[in-house]
Amino acid sequence: MSIAPKPAGPIRVLIVDDHPMVRDGISEMLARQSDMEMVGEASDGAEAIAAFQAAAPDVTLMDVQMPGMSGIEAIAGIRSISGEARILVLTTYAGDVNALRAIRAGAAGYLLKTCVRGELVDAIRAVHSGRRVVSPEIAHALAEHALDDPLTERETAILRLVADGRSNKEIARHLALSVDSIKAQLKSIFAKLDVHDRTHAVTIARRRGHIEP
């Protein structure tokens, strides 16, 4: 579906977040900026795609973790509609893996909700002008892990089951693998995450965004 040309004037912002108070706070902030206006809001990824089609915003502020369709899925969906869409992630999740997924899906920036108001409005202007914006702590984490071996889909699936409290035998049965195979893959996971036990592996995996918090 084609998107209508964007009119000249203030930066038109779509706010996507599953918390109404967050949306209200951002809306009030935008109202105080002479060069910005809110043109729509959504509470999940599916609503975000529909709102993007309806409002044709200049910049979309997108949360990552939401019920139903996630923010990262919504980013990919919006970018499939318009390759020119400019999306700025605004989230509480500081994990470098989440940030990398969002950027690969098409996000132009990744900010944490702990940022000050001035940083957010500056980031909106920067993304609107075609630049990329990443929180310093996210940029540091991305650089720190840039050369790490990524977890495979199977290893991530095993980690999720470990996080659920499943034993090696239960994981093997669930994934139709041998217990020895699970042990070998856990050894690989521990090496990639630089940990020595299951509990620490889950903690680091959640912190970095390999698995859901």
Protein backbone atom coordinates (compact mmCIF):
# COMPACT_ATOMS: atom_id res chain seq x y z
CA MET A 1 0.00 0.00 0.00
CA SER A 2 1.42 3.41 -0.93
CA ILE A 3 1.86 6.14 1.66
CA ALA A 4 0.71 9.68 0.86
CA PRO A 5 3.45 12.35 0.59
CA LYS A 6 4.25 13.96 3.93
CA PRO A 7 3.12 17.57 4.23
CA ALA A 8 5.61 20.33 5.07
CA GLY A 9 5.53 21.65 8.61
CA PRO A 10 6.18 20.23 12.09
CA ILE A 11 7.75 16.80 12.52
CA ARG A 12 4.81 14.42 12.65
CA VAL A 13 5.32 11.79 15.37
CA LEU A 14 3.56 8.47 15.98
CA ILE A 15 3.90 7.13 19.55
CA VAL A 16 3.84 3.35 20.09
CA ASP A 17 3.90 2.10 23.69
CA ASP A 18 1.67 -0.24 25.68
CA HIS A 19 1.65 2.08 28.70
CA PRO A 20 -0.91 4.93 28.41
CA MET A 21 1.01 7.09 30.91
CA VAL A 22 4.14 6.89 28.77
CA ARG A 23 2.19 7.88 25.66
CA ASP A 24 0.57 10.77 27.54
CA GLY A 25 3.92 11.99 28.83
CA ILE A 26 5.51 11.95 25.39
CA SER A 27 2.44 13.63 23.88
CA GLU A 28 2.70 16.46 26.42
CA MET A 29 6.40 16.82 25.66
CA LEU A 30 5.74 17.03 21.92
CA ALA A 31 3.04 19.64 22.47
CA ARG A 32 5.69 21.93 24.00
CA GLN A 33 7.90 21.70 20.89
CA SER A 34 7.16 24.25 18.18
CA ASP A 35 8.51 21.95 15.47
CA MET A 36 6.73 18.71 16.47
CA GLU A 37 3.22 17.30 16.71
CA MET A 38 1.73 13.94 17.62
CA VAL A 39 -0.30 12.47 14.77
CA GLY A 40 -1.23 9.11 16.27
CA GLU A 41 -0.63 6.55 18.97
CA ALA A 42 -0.73 2.76 19.32
CA SER A 43 -0.41 0.24 22.14
CA ASP A 44 1.04 -2.74 20.25
CA GLY A 45 2.79 -3.68 17.04
CA ALA A 46 -0.32 -4.45 14.99
CA GLU A 47 -1.90 -1.13 15.96
CA ALA A 48 1.39 0.59 15.11
CA ILE A 49 1.34 -0.67 11.53
CA ALA A 50 -2.28 0.41 11.07
CA ALA A 51 -1.58 3.82 12.63
CA PHE A 52 1.48 4.29 10.42
CA GLN A 53 -0.60 3.60 7.31
CA ALA A 54 -3.30 6.02 8.48
CA ALA A 55 -1.09 8.89 9.69
CA ALA A 56 2.07 8.65 7.55
CA PRO A 57 4.27 10.04 10.35
CA ASP A 58 7.72 11.51 9.82
CA VAL A 59 9.09 9.69 12.89
CA THR A 60 7.68 6.70 14.77
CA LEU A 61 8.65 6.24 18.45
CA MET A 62 8.54 2.49 19.08
CA ASP A 63 8.73 0.43 22.27
CA VAL A 64 10.29 -3.04 21.96
CA GLN A 65 8.42 -5.32 24.37
CA MET A 66 4.65 -5.14 23.94
CA PRO A 67 1.81 -7.66 24.08
CA GLY A 68 0.96 -9.38 20.81
CA MET A 69 3.18 -8.24 17.97
CA SER A 70 6.50 -6.95 19.32
CA GLY A 71 8.07 -3.64 18.44
CA ILE A 72 10.78 -5.31 16.40
CA GLU A 73 8.18 -7.16 14.32
CA ALA A 74 6.31 -3.88 13.88
CA ILE A 75 9.50 -2.13 12.72
CA ALA A 76 9.97 -4.77 10.03
CA GLY A 77 6.29 -4.50 9.07
CA ILE A 78 6.41 -0.72 8.77
CA ARG A 79 9.64 -0.79 6.79
CA SER A 80 8.06 -3.26 4.38
CA ILE A 81 5.34 -0.66 3.75
CA SER A 82 7.76 2.23 3.42
CA GLY A 83 11.50 1.84 3.08
CA GLU A 84 11.80 5.53 3.98
CA ALA A 85 10.09 5.13 7.37
CA ARG A 86 12.13 6.61 10.20
CA ILE A 87 11.71 4.70 13.44
CA LEU A 88 13.26 5.53 16.80
CA VAL A 89 13.11 2.85 19.49
CA LEU A 90 12.37 4.15 22.99
CA THR A 91 12.53 1.34 25.54
CA THR A 92 13.55 0.24 29.02
CA TYR A 93 15.51 -2.72 27.59
CA ALA A 94 19.21 -1.99 27.37
CA GLY A 95 20.28 -5.33 25.89
CA ASP A 96 22.65 -5.11 22.95
CA VAL A 97 20.95 -8.09 21.27
CA ASN A 98 17.59 -6.31 21.31
CA ALA A 99 19.22 -3.17 19.92
CA LEU A 100 20.91 -5.11 17.14
CA ARG A 101 17.65 -6.82 16.20
CA ALA A 102 15.86 -3.47 16.07
CA ILE A 103 18.56 -1.87 13.92
CA ARG A 104 18.61 -4.85 11.57
CA ALA A 105 14.81 -4.62 11.29
CA GLY A 106 15.17 -1.01 10.16
CA ALA A 107 15.24 1.22 13.25
CA ALA A 108 17.23 4.43 12.83
CA GLY A 109 17.84 4.84 16.55
CA TYR A 110 17.69 3.13 19.93
CA LEU A 111 17.16 5.17 23.10
CA LEU A 112 16.43 4.19 26.69
CA LYS A 113 13.48 5.65 28.56
CA THR A 114 15.94 6.87 31.19
CA CYS A 115 17.12 9.52 28.73
CA VAL A 116 16.30 13.13 29.59
CA ARG A 117 13.62 15.03 27.70
CA GLY A 118 16.16 17.11 25.77
CA GLU A 119 17.90 13.98 24.52
CA LEU A 120 14.62 12.58 23.21
CA VAL A 121 13.56 15.67 21.29
CA ASP A 122 17.08 16.03 19.86
CA ALA A 123 16.97 12.37 18.81
CA ILE A 124 13.62 12.84 17.07
CA ARG A 125 15.08 15.77 15.12
CA ALA A 126 18.20 13.79 14.29
CA VAL A 127 16.29 10.73 13.03
CA HIS A 128 13.97 13.00 11.04
CA SER A 129 17.01 14.54 9.35
CA GLY A 130 18.31 11.11 8.37
CA ARG A 131 20.88 10.50 11.10
CA ARG A 132 21.21 7.52 13.45
CA VAL A 133 20.99 7.87 17.23
CA VAL A 134 22.00 5.25 19.82
CA SER A 135 22.20 5.70 23.60
CA PRO A 136 25.84 5.76 24.76
CA GLU A 137 25.36 2.70 27.00
CA ILE A 138 23.82 0.78 24.11
CA ALA A 139 26.63 1.83 21.77
CA HIS A 140 29.16 0.62 24.36
CA ALA A 141 27.41 -2.75 24.72
CA LEU A 142 27.21 -3.18 20.95
CA ALA A 143 30.94 -2.47 20.63
CA GLU A 144 31.80 -4.74 23.56
CA HIS A 145 30.03 -7.73 22.01
CA ALA A 146 30.63 -6.97 18.32
CA LEU A 147 33.06 -9.87 17.91
CA ASP A 148 31.14 -12.39 20.03
CA ASP A 149 29.92 -15.60 18.42
CA PRO A 150 26.12 -15.25 18.19
CA LEU A 151 23.82 -17.79 19.80
CA THR A 152 22.09 -20.07 17.33
CA GLU A 153 18.30 -20.40 17.23
CA ARG A 154 18.61 -23.83 18.88
CA GLU A 155 20.81 -22.44 21.65
CA THR A 156 18.32 -19.62 22.28
CA ALA A 157 15.48 -22.14 22.43
CA ILE A 158 17.44 -24.18 24.98
CA LEU A 159 18.10 -21.06 27.06
CA ARG A 160 14.38 -20.27 27.16
CA LEU A 161 13.69 -23.75 28.49
CA VAL A 162 16.48 -23.43 31.04
CA ALA A 163 14.90 -20.13 32.14
CA ASP A 164 11.61 -22.00 32.58
CA GLY A 165 13.34 -24.31 35.04
CA ARG A 166 13.48 -27.37 32.78
CA SER A 167 16.08 -30.07 33.42
CA ASN A 168 18.41 -31.33 30.70
CA LYS A 169 16.27 -34.44 30.37
CA GLU A 170 13.09 -32.37 29.98
CA ILE A 171 14.75 -30.07 27.44
CA ALA A 172 15.99 -33.07 25.45
CA ARG A 173 12.51 -34.58 25.39
CA HIS A 174 10.92 -31.26 24.38
CA LEU A 175 13.36 -30.67 21.52
CA ALA A 176 13.63 -34.34 20.47
CA LEU A 177 17.38 -34.38 21.16
CA SER A 178 19.65 -36.52 23.31
CA VAL A 179 20.68 -35.42 26.79
CA ASP A 180 24.31 -35.47 25.61
CA SER A 181 23.41 -33.05 22.81
CA ILE A 182 21.78 -30.69 25.31
CA LYS A 183 24.87 -30.83 27.52
CA ALA A 184 27.12 -30.04 24.54
CA GLN A 185 24.95 -27.11 23.50
CA LEU A 186 24.86 -25.76 27.05
CA LYS A 187 28.66 -25.89 27.08
CA SER A 188 28.67 -23.82 23.88
CA ILE A 189 26.15 -21.35 25.36
CA PHE A 190 28.25 -20.93 28.51
CA ALA A 191 31.36 -20.21 26.41
CA LYS A 192 29.57 -17.66 24.22
CA LEU A 193 28.07 -15.84 27.20
CA ASP A 194 31.26 -16.20 29.28
CA VAL A 195 29.45 -17.85 32.20
CA HIS A 196 29.91 -21.05 34.20
CA ASP A 197 26.42 -22.12 35.25
CA ARG A 198 22.78 -22.18 34.16
CA THR A 199 21.59 -19.44 36.51
CA HIS A 200 24.25 -16.98 35.36
CA ALA A 201 23.56 -17.89 31.73
CA VAL A 202 19.88 -17.01 32.11
CA THR A 203 20.71 -13.76 33.93
CA ILE A 204 23.12 -12.60 31.20
CA ALA A 205 20.83 -13.78 28.39
CA ARG A 206 17.94 -11.75 29.80
CA ARG A 207 20.10 -8.69 30.42
CA ARG A 208 21.42 -8.68 26.86
CA GLY A 209 18.07 -9.52 25.23
CA HIS A 210 18.70 -13.06 24.00
CA ILE A 211 15.56 -14.15 25.84
CA GLU A 212 12.58 -12.28 27.25
CA PRO A 213 13.05 -10.70 30.70
